């Protein structure tokens, strides 16, 4: 966040007007009009966006950036292959 803030200062990014309304009560169209984008829906989407970020790569350095991405991919793989109690309760009886 510090790197993003510093880049904004250095490059003179324009700040958007604050949104005082509850964005969770807005329709997708209303959020779009305010320039509000949705966050990634899961860790994989976040990893994929982070991999494309030159800002994050520059802030962390090449070595740490590569290790960070690799570790997050391992974390995602562990998460997606984990069988939760919900799944056991819901589906085991069907089998």
N, C-alpha and C. Protein backbone atom coordinates (compact mmCIF):
# COMPACT_ATOMS: atom_id res chain seq x y z
N UNK A 1 0.83 -1.18 0.00
CA UNK A 1 0.00 0.00 0.00
C UNK A 1 0.87 1.25 0.00
N UNK A 2 1.97 1.19 0.74
CA UNK A 2 2.87 2.34 0.74
C UNK A 2 3.43 2.61 -0.65
N UNK A 3 3.82 1.54 -1.33
CA UNK A 3 4.38 1.71 -2.68
C UNK A 3 3.33 2.31 -3.62
N UNK A 4 2.09 1.86 -3.50
CA UNK A 4 1.03 2.40 -4.35
C UNK A 4 0.79 3.87 -4.03
N UNK A 5 0.77 4.21 -2.74
CA UNK A 5 0.58 5.61 -2.34
C UNK A 5 1.71 6.50 -2.83
N UNK A 6 2.94 6.03 -2.69
CA UNK A 6 4.09 6.81 -3.15
C UNK A 6 4.07 7.00 -4.67
N UNK A 7 3.67 5.95 -5.39
CA UNK A 7 3.58 6.09 -6.85
C UNK A 7 2.54 7.13 -7.22
N UNK A 8 1.43 7.11 -6.51
CA UNK A 8 0.38 8.10 -6.77
C UNK A 8 0.85 9.51 -6.53
N UNK A 9 1.63 9.70 -5.47
CA UNK A 9 2.18 11.03 -5.17
C UNK A 9 3.18 11.44 -6.23
N UNK A 10 4.11 10.53 -6.53
CA UNK A 10 5.17 10.84 -7.49
C UNK A 10 4.62 11.15 -8.88
N UNK A 11 3.60 10.43 -9.28
CA UNK A 11 3.06 10.60 -10.63
C UNK A 11 1.85 11.53 -10.66
N UNK A 12 1.47 12.06 -9.52
CA UNK A 12 0.39 13.03 -9.46
C UNK A 12 -0.97 12.48 -9.86
N UNK A 13 -1.27 11.26 -9.42
CA UNK A 13 -2.57 10.67 -9.74
C UNK A 13 -3.68 11.53 -9.16
N UNK A 14 -4.74 11.66 -9.93
CA UNK A 14 -5.92 12.40 -9.47
C UNK A 14 -6.73 11.52 -8.53
N UNK A 15 -7.16 12.10 -7.41
CA UNK A 15 -8.01 11.36 -6.48
C UNK A 15 -9.46 11.42 -6.95
N UNK A 16 -10.15 10.33 -6.80
CA UNK A 16 -11.58 10.30 -7.12
C UNK A 16 -12.35 10.96 -5.99
N UNK A 17 -13.54 11.40 -6.32
CA UNK A 17 -14.42 11.95 -5.30
C UNK A 17 -14.85 10.80 -4.38
N UNK A 18 -14.96 11.08 -3.07
CA UNK A 18 -15.39 10.01 -2.16
C UNK A 18 -16.84 9.59 -2.43
N UNK A 19 -17.12 8.34 -2.17
CA UNK A 19 -18.48 7.82 -2.30
C UNK A 19 -19.02 7.63 -0.89
N UNK A 20 -20.03 8.37 -0.54
CA UNK A 20 -20.57 8.34 0.81
C UNK A 20 -21.72 7.33 0.96
N UNK A 21 -22.17 6.77 -0.14
CA UNK A 21 -23.28 5.82 -0.11
C UNK A 21 -22.76 4.41 0.20
N UNK A 22 -23.67 3.56 0.63
CA UNK A 22 -23.34 2.16 0.91
C UNK A 22 -23.19 1.42 -0.42
N UNK A 23 -21.96 1.07 -0.78
CA UNK A 23 -21.73 0.44 -2.09
C UNK A 23 -22.36 -0.94 -2.18
N UNK A 24 -22.63 -1.57 -1.03
CA UNK A 24 -23.23 -2.91 -1.05
C UNK A 24 -24.72 -2.83 -1.36
N UNK A 25 -25.29 -1.65 -1.25
CA UNK A 25 -26.70 -1.45 -1.59
C UNK A 25 -26.86 -0.99 -3.04
N UNK A 26 -25.75 -0.67 -3.70
CA UNK A 26 -25.79 -0.19 -5.09
C UNK A 26 -25.92 -1.35 -6.06
N UNK A 27 -26.51 -1.07 -7.19
CA UNK A 27 -26.54 -2.06 -8.28
C UNK A 27 -25.15 -2.07 -8.94
N UNK A 28 -24.92 -3.07 -9.74
CA UNK A 28 -23.66 -3.16 -10.49
C UNK A 28 -23.48 -1.92 -11.37
N UNK A 29 -24.57 -1.47 -11.96
CA UNK A 29 -24.55 -0.29 -12.83
C UNK A 29 -24.17 0.97 -12.05
N UNK A 30 -24.72 1.12 -10.84
CA UNK A 30 -24.41 2.29 -10.01
C UNK A 30 -22.95 2.28 -9.59
N UNK A 31 -22.45 1.09 -9.20
CA UNK A 31 -21.03 1.00 -8.82
C UNK A 31 -20.14 1.35 -10.02
N UNK A 32 -20.53 0.88 -11.19
CA UNK A 32 -19.77 1.16 -12.40
C UNK A 32 -19.71 2.67 -12.69
N UNK A 33 -20.82 3.36 -12.49
CA UNK A 33 -20.86 4.81 -12.71
C UNK A 33 -19.92 5.56 -11.77
N UNK A 34 -19.71 5.00 -10.58
CA UNK A 34 -18.78 5.59 -9.61
C UNK A 34 -17.34 5.12 -9.83
N UNK A 35 -17.14 4.23 -10.79
CA UNK A 35 -15.80 3.71 -11.06
C UNK A 35 -15.35 2.69 -10.03
N UNK A 36 -16.30 2.04 -9.36
CA UNK A 36 -15.99 1.05 -8.33
C UNK A 36 -15.96 -0.33 -8.97
N UNK A 37 -14.81 -0.97 -8.87
CA UNK A 37 -14.65 -2.31 -9.43
C UNK A 37 -14.72 -3.34 -8.30
N UNK A 38 -15.10 -4.54 -8.63
CA UNK A 38 -15.16 -5.61 -7.65
C UNK A 38 -13.77 -6.17 -7.40
N UNK A 39 -13.56 -6.62 -6.17
CA UNK A 39 -12.32 -7.29 -5.83
C UNK A 39 -12.32 -8.69 -6.43
N UNK A 40 -11.16 -9.33 -6.51
CA UNK A 40 -11.14 -10.71 -7.01
C UNK A 40 -12.09 -11.59 -6.19
N UNK A 41 -12.70 -12.56 -6.86
CA UNK A 41 -13.67 -13.43 -6.21
C UNK A 41 -13.05 -14.54 -5.38
N UNK A 42 -11.78 -14.84 -5.64
CA UNK A 42 -11.10 -15.89 -4.87
C UNK A 42 -9.59 -15.66 -4.94
N UNK A 43 -8.86 -16.49 -4.22
CA UNK A 43 -7.41 -16.33 -4.16
C UNK A 43 -6.75 -16.50 -5.52
N UNK A 44 -7.25 -17.42 -6.33
CA UNK A 44 -6.65 -17.62 -7.65
C UNK A 44 -6.74 -16.36 -8.50
N UNK A 45 -7.90 -15.72 -8.51
CA UNK A 45 -8.05 -14.48 -9.27
C UNK A 45 -7.11 -13.40 -8.73
N UNK A 46 -6.94 -13.34 -7.42
CA UNK A 46 -6.04 -12.35 -6.83
C UNK A 46 -4.58 -12.63 -7.22
N UNK A 47 -4.21 -13.89 -7.24
CA UNK A 47 -2.85 -14.27 -7.65
C UNK A 47 -2.61 -13.85 -9.09
N UNK A 48 -3.58 -14.15 -9.96
CA UNK A 48 -3.44 -13.83 -11.37
C UNK A 48 -3.29 -12.33 -11.60
N UNK A 49 -4.03 -11.53 -10.86
CA UNK A 49 -3.89 -10.07 -10.97
C UNK A 49 -2.55 -9.60 -10.43
N UNK A 50 -2.13 -10.17 -9.31
CA UNK A 50 -0.86 -9.77 -8.70
C UNK A 50 0.31 -10.11 -9.61
N UNK A 51 0.24 -11.24 -10.30
CA UNK A 51 1.31 -11.64 -11.21
C UNK A 51 1.53 -10.60 -12.31
N UNK A 52 0.49 -9.88 -12.67
CA UNK A 52 0.57 -8.86 -13.73
C UNK A 52 1.01 -7.49 -13.21
N UNK A 53 1.13 -7.34 -11.90
CA UNK A 53 1.39 -6.04 -11.31
C UNK A 53 2.88 -5.70 -11.26
N UNK A 54 3.26 -4.74 -12.07
CA UNK A 54 4.65 -4.26 -12.03
C UNK A 54 4.93 -3.53 -10.71
N UNK A 55 3.90 -2.87 -10.17
CA UNK A 55 4.06 -2.15 -8.91
C UNK A 55 4.42 -3.11 -7.77
N UNK A 56 3.71 -4.21 -7.65
CA UNK A 56 4.00 -5.19 -6.59
C UNK A 56 5.37 -5.81 -6.82
N UNK A 57 5.68 -6.12 -8.06
CA UNK A 57 6.98 -6.72 -8.37
C UNK A 57 8.12 -5.77 -8.00
N UNK A 58 7.95 -4.51 -8.32
CA UNK A 58 8.97 -3.52 -8.00
C UNK A 58 9.08 -3.32 -6.48
N UNK A 59 7.94 -3.29 -5.80
CA UNK A 59 7.94 -3.06 -4.35
C UNK A 59 8.59 -4.22 -3.59
N UNK A 60 8.36 -5.46 -4.05
CA UNK A 60 8.89 -6.63 -3.34
C UNK A 60 10.28 -7.04 -3.83
N UNK A 61 10.60 -6.71 -5.05
CA UNK A 61 11.84 -7.20 -5.66
C UNK A 61 11.55 -8.53 -6.33
N UNK A 62 12.35 -8.85 -7.35
CA UNK A 62 12.09 -10.05 -8.16
C UNK A 62 12.06 -11.34 -7.33
N UNK A 63 13.05 -11.53 -6.48
CA UNK A 63 13.16 -12.79 -5.73
C UNK A 63 11.96 -13.00 -4.80
N UNK A 64 11.65 -12.00 -4.00
CA UNK A 64 10.54 -12.13 -3.05
C UNK A 64 9.22 -12.22 -3.80
N UNK A 65 9.08 -11.45 -4.88
CA UNK A 65 7.85 -11.50 -5.68
C UNK A 65 7.60 -12.92 -6.20
N UNK A 66 8.62 -13.54 -6.78
CA UNK A 66 8.47 -14.90 -7.33
C UNK A 66 8.13 -15.89 -6.23
N UNK A 67 8.79 -15.79 -5.08
CA UNK A 67 8.51 -16.69 -3.95
C UNK A 67 7.11 -16.46 -3.40
N UNK A 68 6.70 -15.22 -3.32
CA UNK A 68 5.37 -14.88 -2.82
C UNK A 68 4.31 -15.51 -3.72
N UNK A 69 4.44 -15.34 -5.02
CA UNK A 69 3.48 -15.90 -5.98
C UNK A 69 3.48 -17.43 -5.88
N UNK A 70 4.65 -18.03 -5.82
CA UNK A 70 4.73 -19.49 -5.72
C UNK A 70 4.05 -19.99 -4.45
N UNK A 71 4.27 -19.31 -3.33
CA UNK A 71 3.64 -19.72 -2.07
C UNK A 71 2.13 -19.54 -2.11
N UNK A 72 1.66 -18.49 -2.73
CA UNK A 72 0.22 -18.28 -2.84
C UNK A 72 -0.43 -19.33 -3.74
N UNK A 73 0.29 -19.78 -4.77
CA UNK A 73 -0.24 -20.84 -5.63
C UNK A 73 -0.34 -22.16 -4.85
N UNK A 74 0.63 -22.43 -4.00
CA UNK A 74 0.58 -23.61 -3.13
C UNK A 74 -0.61 -23.49 -2.18
N UNK A 75 -0.78 -22.31 -1.59
CA UNK A 75 -1.91 -22.07 -0.69
C UNK A 75 -3.25 -22.30 -1.41
N UNK A 76 -3.37 -21.80 -2.63
CA UNK A 76 -4.61 -21.98 -3.40
C UNK A 76 -4.85 -23.46 -3.69
N UNK A 77 -3.79 -24.17 -4.06
CA UNK A 77 -3.94 -25.59 -4.37
C UNK A 77 -4.37 -26.37 -3.13
N UNK A 78 -3.81 -26.03 -1.97
CA UNK A 78 -4.22 -26.70 -0.74
C UNK A 78 -5.67 -26.39 -0.41
N UNK A 79 -6.08 -25.17 -0.63
CA UNK A 79 -7.46 -24.77 -0.35
C UNK A 79 -8.44 -25.48 -1.27
N UNK A 80 -8.15 -25.47 -2.57
CA UNK A 80 -9.11 -26.02 -3.53
C UNK A 80 -9.23 -27.53 -3.44
N UNK A 81 -8.23 -28.21 -2.89
CA UNK A 81 -8.30 -29.67 -2.77
C UNK A 81 -8.75 -30.13 -1.40
N UNK A 82 -8.98 -29.19 -0.49
CA UNK A 82 -9.45 -29.51 0.86
C UNK A 82 -10.93 -29.87 0.84
N UNK A 83 -11.27 -30.97 1.49
CA UNK A 83 -12.67 -31.37 1.61
C UNK A 83 -13.17 -30.82 2.95
N UNK A 84 -14.13 -29.92 2.88
CA UNK A 84 -14.63 -29.26 4.09
C UNK A 84 -15.68 -30.10 4.81
N UNK A 85 -15.95 -29.76 6.05
CA UNK A 85 -17.00 -30.44 6.80
C UNK A 85 -18.35 -30.24 6.12
N UNK A 86 -18.57 -29.07 5.55
CA UNK A 86 -19.80 -28.81 4.82
C UNK A 86 -19.99 -29.82 3.69
N UNK A 87 -18.94 -30.04 2.93
CA UNK A 87 -19.03 -30.99 1.81
C UNK A 87 -19.28 -32.41 2.31
N UNK A 88 -18.61 -32.79 3.39
CA UNK A 88 -18.84 -34.12 3.96
C UNK A 88 -20.29 -34.27 4.42
N UNK A 89 -20.78 -33.28 5.15
CA UNK A 89 -22.16 -33.33 5.64
C UNK A 89 -23.16 -33.35 4.48
N UNK A 90 -22.90 -32.58 3.48
CA UNK A 90 -23.86 -32.42 2.38
C UNK A 90 -23.85 -33.59 1.40
N UNK A 91 -22.67 -34.09 1.06
CA UNK A 91 -22.57 -35.03 -0.05
C UNK A 91 -22.23 -36.48 0.34
N UNK A 92 -21.65 -36.70 1.48
CA UNK A 92 -21.23 -38.05 1.84
C UNK A 92 -22.44 -38.99 1.95
N UNK A 93 -23.53 -38.49 2.49
CA UNK A 93 -24.71 -39.33 2.63
C UNK A 93 -25.28 -39.76 1.28
N UNK A 94 -25.07 -38.96 0.26
CA UNK A 94 -25.59 -39.26 -1.08
C UNK A 94 -24.82 -40.43 -1.70
N UNK A 95 -23.56 -40.53 -1.36
CA UNK A 95 -22.73 -41.59 -1.95
C UNK A 95 -23.13 -42.91 -1.35
